[in-house]
Amino acid sequence: MEVDPHGSPPVCRILDYGKWKFEQAKKDRDARKHQKGLVIHEVRMRPHISDHDMERKVRLAERLLGGGDKVKVTVMFRGREMAHPETGRALLGRVCSLLKETAVIDAPANMQGRFLSTILSPTNKKPVKVAQEAGEESIAQT
């Protein structure tokens, strides 16, 4: 196997190709095992949700976004509520305006069956825990 083709003279090494190929496959498996997949959490609400309950759901979404995950905000319609999707769009607008500092709209609001949903992604990719630890270190140093 050629190790350094640009060297003077080129460097070569004799090795067992089957063993090398197995070790490469093993490294690839380990790399995939430690990789974090895409996580989308869903926060569901109804069109006539009370203000306090909506604030609770917004705080939950903020916590999930602070952890670096994407959030799918869904408004679920039942029965005659389907005749007025504008109430759901207004609710999603209020939620997005409350989350505008911590989130960016990834996918606009769209209707899928009886669910109206939008996807939000975090503005900063740094988890909350790391920021808190950095703040604690600066306090300890002073």
C-alpha atoms as a PDB file:
ATOM      1  CA  MET A   1       0.000   0.000   0.000  1.00  0.00           C
ATOM      2  CA  GLU A   2       1.278   3.466  -0.889  1.00  0.00           C
ATOM      3  CA  VAL A   3       1.372   5.673   2.233  1.00  0.00           C
ATOM      4  CA  ASP A   4       2.886   8.917   0.869  1.00  0.00           C
ATOM      5  CA  PRO A   5       2.821   9.197  -2.936  1.00  0.00           C
ATOM      6  CA  HIS A   6       4.261  12.747  -2.930  1.00  0.00           C
ATOM      7  CA  GLY A   7       7.330  11.898  -0.863  1.00  0.00           C
ATOM      8  CA  SER A   8      10.808  11.572  -2.332  1.00  0.00           C
ATOM      9  CA  PRO A   9      11.066   8.550  -2.691  1.00  0.00           C
ATOM     10  CA  PRO A  10       7.362   7.477  -2.425  1.00  0.00           C
ATOM     11  CA  VAL A  11       6.690   5.595   0.824  1.00  0.00           C
ATOM     12  CA  CYS A  12       5.024   2.164   0.624  1.00  0.00           C
ATOM     13  CA  ARG A  13       4.063  -0.392   3.258  1.00  0.00           C
ATOM     14  CA  ILE A  14       3.160  -4.069   3.079  1.00  0.00           C
ATOM     15  CA  LEU A  15      -0.016  -4.992   4.958  1.00  0.00           C
ATOM     16  CA  ASP A  16      -2.873  -7.476   5.067  1.00  0.00           C
ATOM     17  CA  TYR A  17      -5.586  -5.825   2.949  1.00  0.00           C
ATOM     18  CA  GLY A  18      -8.444  -7.886   4.442  1.00  0.00           C
ATOM     19  CA  LYS A  19      -7.441  -6.889   7.978  1.00  0.00           C
ATOM     20  CA  TRP A  20      -7.123  -3.218   6.972  1.00  0.00           C
ATOM     21  CA  LYS A  21     -10.546  -3.282   5.303  1.00  0.00           C
ATOM     22  CA  PHE A  22     -12.115  -4.868   8.446  1.00  0.00           C
ATOM     23  CA  GLU A  23     -10.567  -2.196  10.703  1.00  0.00           C
ATOM     24  CA  GLN A  24     -11.874   0.579   8.431  1.00  0.00           C
ATOM     25  CA  ALA A  25     -15.401  -0.903   8.556  1.00  0.00           C
ATOM     26  CA  LYS A  26     -15.115  -1.121  12.357  1.00  0.00           C
ATOM     27  CA  LYS A  27     -14.121   2.566  12.589  1.00  0.00           C
ATOM     28  CA  ASP A  28     -17.063   3.529  10.355  1.00  0.00           C
ATOM     29  CA  ARG A  29     -19.501   1.580  12.565  1.00  0.00           C
ATOM     30  CA  ASP A  30     -18.176   3.278  15.698  1.00  0.00           C
ATOM     31  CA  ALA A  31     -18.436   6.706  14.069  1.00  0.00           C
ATOM     32  CA  ARG A  32     -22.094   6.070  13.152  1.00  0.00           C
ATOM     33  CA  LYS A  33     -22.832   4.780  16.651  1.00  0.00           C
ATOM     34  CA  HIS A  34     -21.670   8.019  18.310  1.00  0.00           C
ATOM     35  CA  GLN A  35     -23.440  10.273  15.829  1.00  0.00           C
ATOM     36  CA  LYS A  36     -26.506  12.168  17.014  1.00  0.00           C
ATOM     37  CA  GLY A  37     -29.456  11.828  14.662  1.00  0.00           C
ATOM     38  CA  LEU A  38     -31.945  14.527  13.773  1.00  0.00           C
ATOM     39  CA  VAL A  39     -34.458  14.910  16.589  1.00  0.00           C
ATOM     40  CA  ILE A  40     -37.785  16.665  16.074  1.00  0.00           C
ATOM     41  CA  HIS A  41     -40.015  17.057  19.122  1.00  0.00           C
ATOM     42  CA  GLU A  42     -43.698  17.830  18.721  1.00  0.00           C
ATOM     43  CA  VAL A  43     -45.725  20.259  20.815  1.00  0.00           C
ATOM     44  CA  ARG A  44     -49.478  19.875  20.244  1.00  0.00           C
ATOM     45  CA  MET A  45     -52.248  22.272  21.133  1.00  0.00           C
ATOM     46  CA  ARG A  46     -55.882  22.971  20.267  1.00  0.00           C
ATOM     47  CA  PRO A  47     -57.161  26.172  18.573  1.00  0.00           C
ATOM     48  CA  HIS A  48     -59.064  27.402  21.664  1.00  0.00           C
ATOM     49  CA  ILE A  49     -56.246  26.848  24.180  1.00  0.00           C
ATOM     50  CA  SER A  50     -56.157  29.104  27.232  1.00  0.00           C
ATOM     51  CA  ASP A  51     -53.379  31.677  27.578  1.00  0.00           C
ATOM     52  CA  HIS A  52     -51.733  29.975  30.544  1.00  0.00           C
ATOM     53  CA  ASP A  53     -51.680  26.582  28.826  1.00  0.00           C
ATOM     54  CA  MET A  54     -50.212  28.151  25.696  1.00  0.00           C
ATOM     55  CA  GLU A  55     -47.478  29.840  27.746  1.00  0.00           C
ATOM     56  CA  ARG A  56     -46.673  26.463  29.308  1.00  0.00           C
ATOM     57  CA  LYS A  57     -46.357  24.892  25.850  1.00  0.00           C
ATOM     58  CA  VAL A  58     -44.165  27.796  24.703  1.00  0.00           C
ATOM     59  CA  ARG A  59     -41.853  27.298  27.707  1.00  0.00           C
ATOM     60  CA  LEU A  60     -41.616  23.589  26.814  1.00  0.00           C
ATOM     61  CA  ALA A  61     -40.722  24.489  23.222  1.00  0.00           C
ATOM     62  CA  GLU A  62     -38.101  26.985  24.465  1.00  0.00           C
ATOM     63  CA  ARG A  63     -36.519  24.278  26.616  1.00  0.00           C
ATOM     64  CA  LEU A  64     -36.403  21.846  23.695  1.00  0.00           C
ATOM     65  CA  LEU A  65     -34.975  24.494  21.360  1.00  0.00           C
ATOM     66  CA  GLY A  66     -32.400  25.417  23.995  1.00  0.00           C
ATOM     67  CA  GLY A  67     -31.264  21.800  23.957  1.00  0.00           C
ATOM     68  CA  GLY A  68     -30.515  22.113  20.247  1.00  0.00           C
ATOM     69  CA  ASP A  69     -33.474  20.100  18.930  1.00  0.00           C
ATOM     70  CA  LYS A  70     -36.036  21.070  16.318  1.00  0.00           C
ATOM     71  CA  VAL A  71     -39.648  21.547  17.429  1.00  0.00           C
ATOM     72  CA  LYS A  72     -42.795  20.867  15.422  1.00  0.00           C
ATOM     73  CA  VAL A  73     -45.642  23.021  16.737  1.00  0.00           C
ATOM     74  CA  THR A  74     -48.984  21.436  15.823  1.00  0.00           C
ATOM     75  CA  VAL A  75     -52.534  22.723  16.159  1.00  0.00           C
ATOM     76  CA  MET A  76     -55.051  19.868  16.245  1.00  0.00           C
ATOM     77  CA  PHE A  77     -58.578  20.486  14.948  1.00  0.00           C
ATOM     78  CA  ARG A  78     -61.696  18.504  15.825  1.00  0.00           C
ATOM     79  CA  GLY A  79     -65.203  18.576  14.364  1.00  0.00           C
ATOM     80  CA  ARG A  80     -66.423  22.036  13.437  1.00  0.00           C
ATOM     81  CA  GLU A  81     -63.064  23.586  14.293  1.00  0.00           C
ATOM     82  CA  MET A  82     -61.953  22.417  10.816  1.00  0.00           C
ATOM     83  CA  ALA A  83     -64.203  25.091   9.278  1.00  0.00           C
ATOM     84  CA  HIS A  84     -62.045  27.864  10.831  1.00  0.00           C
ATOM     85  CA  PRO A  85     -58.362  27.163  10.180  1.00  0.00           C
ATOM     86  CA  GLU A  86     -57.618  30.893  10.562  1.00  0.00           C
ATOM     87  CA  THR A  87     -57.874  30.506  14.365  1.00  0.00           C
ATOM     88  CA  GLY A  88     -55.137  27.887  14.205  1.00  0.00           C
ATOM     89  CA  ARG A  89     -52.981  30.091  11.966  1.00  0.00           C
ATOM     90  CA  ALA A  90     -53.423  32.978  14.410  1.00  0.00           C
ATOM     91  CA  LEU A  91     -52.379  30.703  17.282  1.00  0.00           C
ATOM     92  CA  LEU A  92     -49.269  29.547  15.387  1.00  0.00           C
ATOM     93  CA  GLY A  93     -48.466  33.195  14.668  1.00  0.00           C
ATOM     94  CA  ARG A  94     -48.652  34.034  18.381  1.00  0.00           C
ATOM     95  CA  VAL A  95     -46.454  31.067  19.295  1.00  0.00           C
ATOM     96  CA  CYS A  96     -43.868  31.975  16.639  1.00  0.00           C
ATOM     97  CA  SER A  97     -43.815  35.597  17.814  1.00  0.00           C
ATOM     98  CA  LEU A  98     -43.182  34.440  21.410  1.00  0.00           C
ATOM     99  CA  LEU A  99     -40.351  32.172  20.225  1.00  0.00           C
ATOM    100  CA  LYS A 100     -38.759  34.595  17.732  1.00  0.00           C
ATOM    101  CA  GLU A 101     -35.641  35.126  19.906  1.00  0.00           C
ATOM    102  CA  THR A 102     -34.863  31.433  20.351  1.00  0.00           C
ATOM    103  CA  ALA A 103     -36.172  29.950  17.091  1.00  0.00           C
ATOM    104  CA  VAL A 104     -36.237  30.358  13.339  1.00  0.00           C
ATOM    105  CA  ILE A 105     -39.125  29.101  11.216  1.00  0.00           C
ATOM    106  CA  ASP A 106     -37.799  26.133   9.256  1.00  0.00           C
ATOM    107  CA  ALA A 107     -41.023  25.204   7.468  1.00  0.00           C
ATOM    108  CA  PRO A 108     -44.044  27.516   7.166  1.00  0.00           C
ATOM    109  CA  ALA A 109     -47.471  26.549   8.477  1.00  0.00           C
ATOM    110  CA  ASN A 110     -49.167  23.902   6.357  1.00  0.00           C
ATOM    111  CA  MET A 111     -52.311  21.832   6.765  1.00  0.00           C
ATOM    112  CA  GLN A 112     -52.004  18.040   6.799  1.00  0.00           C
ATOM    113  CA  GLY A 113     -55.396  16.462   7.348  1.00  0.00           C
ATOM    114  CA  ARG A 114     -56.743  17.875  10.594  1.00  0.00           C
ATOM    115  CA  PHE A 115     -53.349  19.111  11.798  1.00  0.00           C
ATOM    116  CA  LEU A 116     -51.845  22.527  11.089  1.00  0.00           C
ATOM    117  CA  SER A 117     -48.132  22.491  11.827  1.00  0.00           C
ATOM    118  CA  THR A 118     -44.902  24.422  11.465  1.00  0.00           C
ATOM    119  CA  ILE A 119     -41.310  23.407  12.205  1.00  0.00           C
ATOM    120  CA  LEU A 120     -38.985  25.604  14.249  1.00  0.00           C
ATOM    121  CA  SER A 121     -35.231  25.211  14.564  1.00  0.00           C
ATOM    122  CA  PRO A 122     -32.974  26.796  17.207  1.00  0.00           C
ATOM    123  CA  THR A 123     -31.114  29.996  16.338  1.00  0.00           C
ATOM    124  CA  ASN A 124     -27.979  28.943  18.198  1.00  0.00           C
ATOM    125  CA  LYS A 125     -26.742  25.349  18.177  1.00  0.00           C
ATOM    126  CA  LYS A 126     -25.066  25.606  21.589  1.00  0.00           C
ATOM    127  CA  PRO A 127     -26.931  23.619  24.294  1.00  0.00           C
ATOM    128  CA  VAL A 128     -28.107  25.489  27.389  1.00  0.00           C
ATOM    129  CA  LYS A 129     -26.031  23.359  29.778  1.00  0.00           C
ATOM    130  CA  VAL A 130     -22.734  24.402  28.166  1.00  0.00           C
ATOM    131  CA  ALA A 131     -23.657  28.092  28.437  1.00  0.00           C
ATOM    132  CA  GLN A 132     -24.583  27.675  32.115  1.00  0.00           C
ATOM    133  CA  GLU A 133     -21.296  25.883  32.891  1.00  0.00           C
ATOM    134  CA  ALA A 134     -19.328  28.664  31.191  1.00  0.00           C
ATOM    135  CA  GLY A 135     -21.168  31.214  33.339  1.00  0.00           C
ATOM    136  CA  GLU A 136     -20.384  29.252  36.506  1.00  0.00           C
ATOM    137  CA  GLU A 137     -16.671  29.091  35.588  1.00  0.00           C
ATOM    138  CA  SER A 138     -16.488  32.851  35.093  1.00  0.00           C
ATOM    139  CA  ILE A 139     -18.157  33.392  38.476  1.00  0.00           C
ATOM    140  CA  ALA A 140     -15.697  30.991  40.136  1.00  0.00           C
ATOM    141  CA  GLN A 141     -12.697  32.816  38.617  1.00  0.00           C
ATOM    142  CA  THR A 142     -13.739  36.242  39.952  1.00  0.00           C
END
